[in-house]
Amino acid sequence: MASTQHDRVASDARATGTDGFARLALKLDAVATGLNGIAYLALATVLDSFFGVPTTAQYPVGVFLLLYAVGVLAIGTRMRSAARD
């Protein structure tokens, strides 16, 4: 009794399911986050007066958002998802 009914259902779901929606969501998140990062870097002086946050705080946040966006985009464009390995 090494296999249960739940194991079979999970393997069937992995074999027939698609992760297209998750990939699309990750890609859209990467684009939105990347645009925010670019805005924080390019418009720091404008956003300084709008938000009241000094530019010295906006530059690191912008860099972090860009790096985060690159990571999310890398995950969203992988050939296989980690759940299928």
PDB file of N, CA and C in Angstrom:
ATOM      1  N   MET A   1       0.824  -1.166   0.000  1.00  0.00           N
ATOM      2  CA  MET A   1       0.000   0.000   0.000  1.00  0.00           C
ATOM      3  C   MET A   1       0.881   1.248   0.000  1.00  0.00           C
ATOM      4  N   ALA A   2       1.802   1.306  -0.927  1.00  0.00           N
ATOM      5  CA  ALA A   2       2.730   2.429  -1.004  1.00  0.00           C
ATOM      6  C   ALA A   2       2.079   3.642  -1.654  1.00  0.00           C
ATOM      7  N   SER A   3       1.089   3.436  -2.475  1.00  0.00           N
ATOM      8  CA  SER A   3       0.451   4.543  -3.187  1.00  0.00           C
ATOM      9  C   SER A   3      -0.965   4.734  -2.657  1.00  0.00           C
ATOM     10  N   THR A   4      -1.363   5.981  -2.583  1.00  0.00           N
ATOM     11  CA  THR A   4      -2.726   6.276  -2.164  1.00  0.00           C
ATOM     12  C   THR A   4      -3.469   6.931  -3.318  1.00  0.00           C
ATOM     13  N   GLN A   5      -4.745   7.080  -3.136  1.00  0.00           N
ATOM     14  CA  GLN A   5      -5.550   7.718  -4.170  1.00  0.00           C
ATOM     15  C   GLN A   5      -5.129   9.176  -4.361  1.00  0.00           C
ATOM     16  N   HIS A   6      -4.702   9.825  -3.289  1.00  0.00           N
ATOM     17  CA  HIS A   6      -4.299  11.224  -3.380  1.00  0.00           C
ATOM     18  C   HIS A   6      -3.039  11.387  -4.223  1.00  0.00           C
ATOM     19  N   ASP A   7      -2.122  10.437  -4.135  1.00  0.00           N
ATOM     20  CA  ASP A   7      -0.911  10.498  -4.948  1.00  0.00           C
ATOM     21  C   ASP A   7      -1.259  10.444  -6.430  1.00  0.00           C
ATOM     22  N   ARG A   8      -2.213   9.607  -6.794  1.00  0.00           N
ATOM     23  CA  ARG A   8      -2.615   9.479  -8.197  1.00  0.00           C
ATOM     24  C   ARG A   8      -3.266  10.759  -8.695  1.00  0.00           C
ATOM     25  N   VAL A   9      -4.107  11.359  -7.872  1.00  0.00           N
ATOM     26  CA  VAL A   9      -4.774  12.608  -8.259  1.00  0.00           C
ATOM     27  C   VAL A   9      -3.749  13.707  -8.458  1.00  0.00           C
ATOM     28  N   ALA A  10      -2.775  13.802  -7.555  1.00  0.00           N
ATOM     29  CA  ALA A  10      -1.751  14.834  -7.672  1.00  0.00           C
ATOM     30  C   ALA A  10      -0.906  14.631  -8.924  1.00  0.00           C
ATOM     31  N   SER A  11      -0.562  13.388  -9.231  1.00  0.00           N
ATOM     32  CA  SER A  11       0.249  13.152 -10.425  1.00  0.00           C
ATOM     33  C   SER A  11      -0.553  13.423 -11.690  1.00  0.00           C
ATOM     34  N   ASP A  12      -1.864  13.115 -11.679  1.00  0.00           N
ATOM     35  CA  ASP A  12      -2.700  13.439 -12.839  1.00  0.00           C
ATOM     36  C   ASP A  12      -2.817  14.936 -13.024  1.00  0.00           C
ATOM     37  N   ALA A  13      -2.921  15.672 -11.952  1.00  0.00           N
ATOM     38  CA  ALA A  13      -3.026  17.132 -12.040  1.00  0.00           C
ATOM     39  C   ALA A  13      -1.744  17.722 -12.600  1.00  0.00           C
ATOM     40  N   ARG A  14      -0.605  17.177 -12.190  1.00  0.00           N
ATOM     41  CA  ARG A  14       0.662  17.685 -12.727  1.00  0.00           C
ATOM     42  C   ARG A  14       0.807  17.344 -14.197  1.00  0.00           C
ATOM     43  N   ALA A  15       0.314  16.209 -14.608  1.00  0.00           N
ATOM     44  CA  ALA A  15       0.466  15.788 -15.998  1.00  0.00           C
ATOM     45  C   ALA A  15      -0.440  16.561 -16.935  1.00  0.00           C
ATOM     46  N   THR A  16      -1.636  16.939 -16.481  1.00  0.00           N
ATOM     47  CA  THR A  16      -2.577  17.589 -17.387  1.00  0.00           C
ATOM     48  C   THR A  16      -2.705  19.079 -17.160  1.00  0.00           C
ATOM     49  N   GLY A  17      -2.295  19.596 -16.001  1.00  0.00           N
ATOM     50  CA  GLY A  17      -2.467  21.011 -15.694  1.00  0.00           C
ATOM     51  C   GLY A  17      -1.463  21.878 -16.441  1.00  0.00           C
ATOM     52  N   THR A  18      -1.852  23.123 -16.638  1.00  0.00           N
ATOM     53  CA  THR A  18      -0.930  24.075 -17.229  1.00  0.00           C
ATOM     54  C   THR A  18      -0.668  25.169 -16.217  1.00  0.00           C
ATOM     55  N   ASP A  19       0.454  25.797 -16.342  1.00  0.00           N
ATOM     56  CA  ASP A  19       0.789  26.881 -15.442  1.00  0.00           C
ATOM     57  C   ASP A  19       0.860  28.201 -16.200  1.00  0.00           C
ATOM     58  N   GLY A  20       0.106  28.314 -17.265  1.00  0.00           N
ATOM     59  CA  GLY A  20       0.114  29.518 -18.083  1.00  0.00           C
ATOM     60  C   GLY A  20      -0.352  30.754 -17.346  1.00  0.00           C
ATOM     61  N   PHE A  21      -1.389  30.619 -16.518  1.00  0.00           N
ATOM     62  CA  PHE A  21      -1.887  31.777 -15.784  1.00  0.00           C
ATOM     63  C   PHE A  21      -0.864  32.253 -14.764  1.00  0.00           C
ATOM     64  N   ALA A  22      -0.219  31.328 -14.087  1.00  0.00           N
ATOM     65  CA  ALA A  22       0.794  31.702 -13.098  1.00  0.00           C
ATOM     66  C   ALA A  22       1.969  32.393 -13.766  1.00  0.00           C
ATOM     67  N   ARG A  23       2.386  31.874 -14.912  1.00  0.00           N
ATOM     68  CA  ARG A  23       3.483  32.511 -15.650  1.00  0.00           C
ATOM     69  C   ARG A  23       3.097  33.915 -16.109  1.00  0.00           C
ATOM     70  N   LEU A  24       1.870  34.070 -16.585  1.00  0.00           N
ATOM     71  CA  LEU A  24       1.399  35.386 -17.006  1.00  0.00           C
ATOM     72  C   LEU A  24       1.382  36.350 -15.827  1.00  0.00           C
ATOM     73  N   ALA A  25       0.902  35.884 -14.677  1.00  0.00           N
ATOM     74  CA  ALA A  25       0.863  36.737 -13.486  1.00  0.00           C
ATOM     75  C   ALA A  25       2.271  37.149 -13.058  1.00  0.00           C
ATOM     76  N   LEU A  26       3.220  36.217 -13.108  1.00  0.00           N
ATOM     77  CA  LEU A  26       4.599  36.547 -12.748  1.00  0.00           C
ATOM     78  C   LEU A  26       5.198  37.560 -13.715  1.00  0.00           C
ATOM     79  N   LYS A  27       4.935  37.385 -15.004  1.00  0.00           N
ATOM     80  CA  LYS A  27       5.468  38.320 -15.997  1.00  0.00           C
ATOM     81  C   LYS A  27       4.861  39.711 -15.826  1.00  0.00           C
ATOM     82  N   LEU A  28       3.557  39.780 -15.570  1.00  0.00           N
ATOM     83  CA  LEU A  28       2.922  41.077 -15.353  1.00  0.00           C
ATOM     84  C   LEU A  28       3.450  41.733 -14.078  1.00  0.00           C
ATOM     85  N   ASP A  29       3.678  40.942 -13.049  1.00  0.00           N
ATOM     86  CA  ASP A  29       4.240  41.472 -11.813  1.00  0.00           C
ATOM     87  C   ASP A  29       5.650  42.010 -12.056  1.00  0.00           C
ATOM     88  N   ALA A  30       6.439  41.292 -12.848  1.00  0.00           N
ATOM     89  CA  ALA A  30       7.795  41.741 -13.150  1.00  0.00           C
ATOM     90  C   ALA A  30       7.775  43.064 -13.910  1.00  0.00           C
ATOM     91  N   VAL A  31       6.860  43.206 -14.853  1.00  0.00           N
ATOM     92  CA  VAL A  31       6.772  44.445 -15.624  1.00  0.00           C
ATOM     93  C   VAL A  31       6.358  45.603 -14.719  1.00  0.00           C
ATOM     94  N   ALA A  32       5.335  45.405 -13.907  1.00  0.00           N
ATOM     95  CA  ALA A  32       4.866  46.475 -13.018  1.00  0.00           C
ATOM     96  C   ALA A  32       5.941  46.860 -12.006  1.00  0.00           C
ATOM     97  N   THR A  33       6.617  45.880 -11.440  1.00  0.00           N
ATOM     98  CA  THR A  33       7.668  46.157 -10.466  1.00  0.00           C
ATOM     99  C   THR A  33       8.856  46.843 -11.125  1.00  0.00           C
ATOM    100  N   GLY A  34       9.208  46.405 -12.315  1.00  0.00           N
ATOM    101  CA  GLY A  34      10.303  47.038 -13.044  1.00  0.00           C
ATOM    102  C   GLY A  34      10.000  48.488 -13.392  1.00  0.00           C
ATOM    103  N   LEU A  35       8.765  48.751 -13.806  1.00  0.00           N
ATOM    104  CA  LEU A  35       8.381  50.135 -14.102  1.00  0.00           C
ATOM    105  C   LEU A  35       8.427  51.001 -12.850  1.00  0.00           C
ATOM    106  N   ASN A  36       8.012  50.450 -11.724  1.00  0.00           N
ATOM    107  CA  ASN A  36       8.130  51.187 -10.464  1.00  0.00           C
ATOM    108  C   ASN A  36       9.587  51.473 -10.124  1.00  0.00           C
ATOM    109  N   GLY A  37      10.444  50.494 -10.317  1.00  0.00           N
ATOM    110  CA  GLY A  37      11.867  50.695 -10.045  1.00  0.00           C
ATOM    111  C   GLY A  37      12.468  51.762 -10.933  1.00  0.00           C
ATOM    112  N   ILE A  38      12.108  51.743 -12.207  1.00  0.00           N
ATOM    113  CA  ILE A  38      12.602  52.765 -13.134  1.00  0.00           C
ATOM    114  C   ILE A  38      12.081  54.140 -12.729  1.00  0.00           C
ATOM    115  N   ALA A  39      10.825  54.207 -12.330  1.00  0.00           N
ATOM    116  CA  ALA A  39      10.251  55.487 -11.896  1.00  0.00           C
ATOM    117  C   ALA A  39      10.967  56.010 -10.656  1.00  0.00           C
ATOM    118  N   TYR A  40      11.262  55.135  -9.702  1.00  0.00           N
ATOM    119  CA  TYR A  40      11.964  55.568  -8.495  1.00  0.00           C
ATOM    120  C   TYR A  40      13.357  56.091  -8.831  1.00  0.00           C
ATOM    121  N   LEU A  41      14.006  55.495  -9.822  1.00  0.00           N
ATOM    122  CA  LEU A  41      15.347  55.946 -10.184  1.00  0.00           C
ATOM    123  C   LEU A  41      15.325  57.186 -11.075  1.00  0.00           C
ATOM    124  N   ALA A  42      14.466  57.198 -12.070  1.00  0.00           N
ATOM    125  CA  ALA A  42      14.464  58.291 -13.038  1.00  0.00           C
ATOM    126  C   ALA A  42      13.754  59.543 -12.532  1.00  0.00           C
ATOM    127  N   LEU A  43      12.746  59.364 -11.715  1.00  0.00           N
ATOM    128  CA  LEU A  43      11.942  60.499 -11.262  1.00  0.00           C
ATOM    129  C   LEU A  43      12.107  60.758  -9.766  1.00  0.00           C
ATOM    130  N   ALA A  44      13.273  60.484  -9.240  1.00  0.00           N
ATOM    131  CA  ALA A  44      13.478  60.605  -7.797  1.00  0.00           C
ATOM    132  C   ALA A  44      13.254  62.031  -7.317  1.00  0.00           C
ATOM    133  N   THR A  45      13.689  63.021  -8.068  1.00  0.00           N
ATOM    134  CA  THR A  45      13.523  64.404  -7.613  1.00  0.00           C
ATOM    135  C   THR A  45      12.057  64.837  -7.656  1.00  0.00           C
ATOM    136  N   VAL A  46      11.330  64.366  -8.653  1.00  0.00           N
ATOM    137  CA  VAL A  46       9.908  64.694  -8.739  1.00  0.00           C
ATOM    138  C   VAL A  46       9.134  63.985  -7.633  1.00  0.00           C
ATOM    139  N   LEU A  47       9.442  62.724  -7.419  1.00  0.00           N
ATOM    140  CA  LEU A  47       8.749  61.952  -6.385  1.00  0.00           C
ATOM    141  C   LEU A  47       9.125  62.412  -4.983  1.00  0.00           C
ATOM    142  N   ASP A  48      10.296  63.038  -4.859  1.00  0.00           N
ATOM    143  CA  ASP A  48      10.709  63.563  -3.565  1.00  0.00           C
ATOM    144  C   ASP A  48       9.706  64.592  -3.061  1.00  0.00           C
ATOM    145  N   SER A  49       9.307  65.512  -3.914  1.00  0.00           N
ATOM    146  CA  SER A  49       8.345  66.524  -3.486  1.00  0.00           C
ATOM    147  C   SER A  49       6.925  65.963  -3.409  1.00  0.00           C
ATOM    148  N   PHE A  50       6.625  64.958  -4.219  1.00  0.00           N
ATOM    149  CA  PHE A  50       5.283  64.388  -4.223  1.00  0.00           C
ATOM    150  C   PHE A  50       5.029  63.507  -3.007  1.00  0.00           C
ATOM    151  N   PHE A  51       5.970  62.601  -2.712  1.00  0.00           N
ATOM    152  CA  PHE A  51       5.813  61.672  -1.598  1.00  0.00           C
ATOM    153  C   PHE A  51       6.397  62.209  -0.293  1.00  0.00           C
ATOM    154  N   GLY A  52       7.344  63.125  -0.397  1.00  0.00           N
ATOM    155  CA  GLY A  52       8.019  63.617   0.798  1.00  0.00           C
ATOM    156  C   GLY A  52       9.114  62.691   1.283  1.00  0.00           C
ATOM    157  N   VAL A  53       9.515  61.737   0.458  1.00  0.00           N
ATOM    158  CA  VAL A  53      10.585  60.800   0.802  1.00  0.00           C
ATOM    159  C   VAL A  53      11.865  61.298   0.136  1.00  0.00           C
ATOM    160  N   PRO A  54      12.961  61.408   0.872  1.00  0.00           N
ATOM    161  CA  PRO A  54      14.197  61.925   0.270  1.00  0.00           C
ATOM    162  C   PRO A  54      14.730  61.012  -0.835  1.00  0.00           C
ATOM    163  N   THR A  55      15.440  61.624  -1.767  1.00  0.00           N
ATOM    164  CA  THR A  55      15.974  60.856  -2.898  1.00  0.00           C
ATOM    165  C   THR A  55      16.990  59.818  -2.448  1.00  0.00           C
ATOM    166  N   THR A  56      17.660  60.064  -1.334  1.00  0.00           N
ATOM    167  CA  THR A  56      18.634  59.078  -0.845  1.00  0.00           C
ATOM    168  C   THR A  56      17.960  57.771  -0.431  1.00  0.00           C
ATOM    169  N   ALA A  57      16.695  57.810  -0.135  1.00  0.00           N
ATOM    170  CA  ALA A  57      15.959  56.589   0.189  1.00  0.00           C
ATOM    171  C   ALA A  57      15.333  55.979  -1.059  1.00  0.00           C
ATOM    172  N   GLN A  58      15.060  56.794  -2.067  1.00  0.00           N
ATOM    173  CA  GLN A  58      14.394  56.286  -3.269  1.00  0.00           C
ATOM    174  C   GLN A  58      15.344  55.513  -4.179  1.00  0.00           C
ATOM    175  N   TYR A  59      16.603  55.899  -4.225  1.00  0.00           N
ATOM    176  CA  TYR A  59      17.544  55.196  -5.101  1.00  0.00           C
ATOM    177  C   TYR A  59      17.737  53.728  -4.706  1.00  0.00           C
ATOM    178  N   PRO A  60      17.986  53.418  -3.440  1.00  0.00           N
ATOM    179  CA  PRO A  60      18.112  51.993  -3.081  1.00  0.00           C
ATOM    180  C   PRO A  60      16.820  51.206  -3.318  1.00  0.00           C
ATOM    181  N   VAL A  61      15.679  51.850  -3.067  1.00  0.00           N
ATOM    182  CA  VAL A  61      14.398  51.170  -3.309  1.00  0.00           C
ATOM    183  C   VAL A  61      14.236  50.891  -4.795  1.00  0.00           C
ATOM    184  N   GLY A  62      14.595  51.837  -5.645  1.00  0.00           N
ATOM    185  CA  GLY A  62      14.514  51.643  -7.093  1.00  0.00           C
ATOM    186  C   GLY A  62      15.406  50.516  -7.577  1.00  0.00           C
ATOM    187  N   VAL A  63      16.620  50.454  -7.048  1.00  0.00           N
ATOM    188  CA  VAL A  63      17.541  49.372  -7.424  1.00  0.00           C
ATOM    189  C   VAL A  63      16.994  48.031  -6.955  1.00  0.00           C
ATOM    190  N   PHE A  64      16.483  47.981  -5.724  1.00  0.00           N
ATOM    191  CA  PHE A  64      15.912  46.740  -5.218  1.00  0.00           C
ATOM    192  C   PHE A  64      14.741  46.287  -6.090  1.00  0.00           C
ATOM    193  N   LEU A  65      13.858  47.218  -6.455  1.00  0.00           N
ATOM    194  CA  LEU A  65      12.704  46.850  -7.278  1.00  0.00           C
ATOM    195  C   LEU A  65      13.131  46.324  -8.643  1.00  0.00           C
ATOM    196  N   LEU A  66      14.145  46.924  -9.232  1.00  0.00           N
ATOM    197  CA  LEU A  66      14.630  46.419 -10.521  1.00  0.00           C
ATOM    198  C   LEU A  66      15.220  45.015 -10.391  1.00  0.00           C
ATOM    199  N   LEU A  67      16.008  44.790  -9.366  1.00  0.00           N
ATOM    200  CA  LEU A  67      16.577  43.452  -9.165  1.00  0.00           C
ATOM    201  C   LEU A  67      15.493  42.422  -8.868  1.00  0.00           C
ATOM    202  N   TYR A  68      14.519  42.820  -8.079  1.00  0.00           N
ATOM    203  CA  TYR A  68      13.397  41.932  -7.774  1.00  0.00           C
ATOM    204  C   TYR A  68      12.622  41.598  -9.048  1.00  0.00           C
ATOM    205  N   ALA A  69      12.404  42.602  -9.903  1.00  0.00           N
ATOM    206  CA  ALA A  69      11.680  42.378 -11.158  1.00  0.00           C
ATOM    207  C   ALA A  69      12.435  41.410 -12.060  1.00  0.00           C
ATOM    208  N   VAL A  70      13.751  41.535 -12.113  1.00  0.00           N
ATOM    209  CA  VAL A  70      14.552  40.614 -12.923  1.00  0.00           C
ATOM    210  C   VAL A  70      14.417  39.191 -12.380  1.00  0.00           C
ATOM    211  N   GLY A  71      14.434  39.032 -11.067  1.00  0.00           N
ATOM    212  CA  GLY A  71      14.272  37.706 -10.468  1.00  0.00           C
ATOM    213  C   GLY A  71      12.905  37.105 -10.743  1.00  0.00           C
ATOM    214  N   VAL A  72      11.861  37.909 -10.606  1.00  0.00           N
ATOM    215  CA  VAL A  72      10.505  37.414 -10.868  1.00  0.00           C
ATOM    216  C   VAL A  72      10.352  37.061 -12.347  1.00  0.00           C
ATOM    217  N   LEU A  73      10.923  37.874 -13.221  1.00  0.00           N
ATOM    218  CA  LEU A  73      10.851  37.578 -14.654  1.00  0.00           C
ATOM    219  C   LEU A  73      11.610  36.294 -14.983  1.00  0.00           C
ATOM    220  N   ALA A  74      12.733  36.090 -14.346  1.00  0.00           N
ATOM    221  CA  ALA A  74      13.491  34.852 -14.566  1.00  0.00           C
ATOM    222  C   ALA A  74      12.686  33.631 -14.134  1.00  0.00           C
ATOM    223  N   ILE A  75      11.987  33.742 -13.025  1.00  0.00           N
ATOM    224  CA  ILE A  75      11.160  32.624 -12.566  1.00  0.00           C
ATOM    225  C   ILE A  75       9.974  32.418 -13.501  1.00  0.00           C
ATOM    226  N   GLY A  76       9.382  33.508 -13.964  1.00  0.00           N
ATOM    227  CA  GLY A  76       8.202  33.412 -14.828  1.00  0.00           C
ATOM    228  C   GLY A  76       8.494  32.890 -16.217  1.00  0.00           C
ATOM    229  N   THR A  77       9.750  32.938 -16.633  1.00  0.00           N
ATOM    230  CA  THR A  77      10.091  32.497 -17.993  1.00  0.00           C
ATOM    231  C   THR A  77      10.894  31.203 -18.010  1.00  0.00           C
ATOM    232  N   ARG A  78      10.989  30.519 -16.869  1.00  0.00           N
ATOM    233  CA  ARG A  78      11.695  29.245 -16.849  1.00  0.00           C
ATOM    234  C   ARG A  78      10.991  28.236 -17.748  1.00  0.00           C
ATOM    235  N   MET A  79      11.739  27.302 -18.264  1.00  0.00           N
ATOM    236  CA  MET A  79      11.175  26.290 -19.159  1.00  0.00           C
ATOM    237  C   MET A  79      10.199  25.377 -18.417  1.00  0.00           C
ATOM    238  N   ARG A  80      10.562  24.954 -17.231  1.00  0.00           N
ATOM    239  CA  ARG A  80       9.700  24.080 -16.432  1.00  0.00           C
ATOM    240  C   ARG A  80       9.541  24.689 -15.067  1.00  0.00           C
ATOM    241  N   SER A  81       8.368  24.545 -14.501  1.00  0.00           N
ATOM    242  CA  SER A  81       8.162  25.042 -13.146  1.00  0.00           C
ATOM    243  C   SER A  81       8.762  24.064 -12.139  1.00  0.00           C
ATOM    244  N   ALA A  82       9.056  24.533 -10.959  1.00  0.00           N
ATOM    245  CA  ALA A  82       9.698  23.700  -9.941  1.00  0.00           C
ATOM    246  C   ALA A  82       8.756  22.588  -9.467  1.00  0.00           C
ATOM    247  N   ALA A  83       7.465  22.791  -9.546  1.00  0.00           N
ATOM    248  CA  ALA A  83       6.494  21.799  -9.081  1.00  0.00           C
ATOM    249  C   ALA A  83       6.478  20.572  -9.977  1.00  0.00           C
ATOM    250  N   ARG A  84       6.943  20.693 -11.196  1.00  0.00           N
ATOM    251  CA  ARG A  84       6.888  19.564 -12.131  1.00  0.00           C
ATOM    252  C   ARG A  84       8.146  18.729 -12.126  1.00  0.00           C
ATOM    253  N   ASP A  85       9.185  19.154 -11.417  1.00  0.00           N
ATOM    254  CA  ASP A  85      10.437  18.386 -11.410  1.00  0.00           C
ATOM    255  C   ASP A  85      10.320  17.109 -10.651  1.00  0.00           C
TER     256      ASP A  85
END
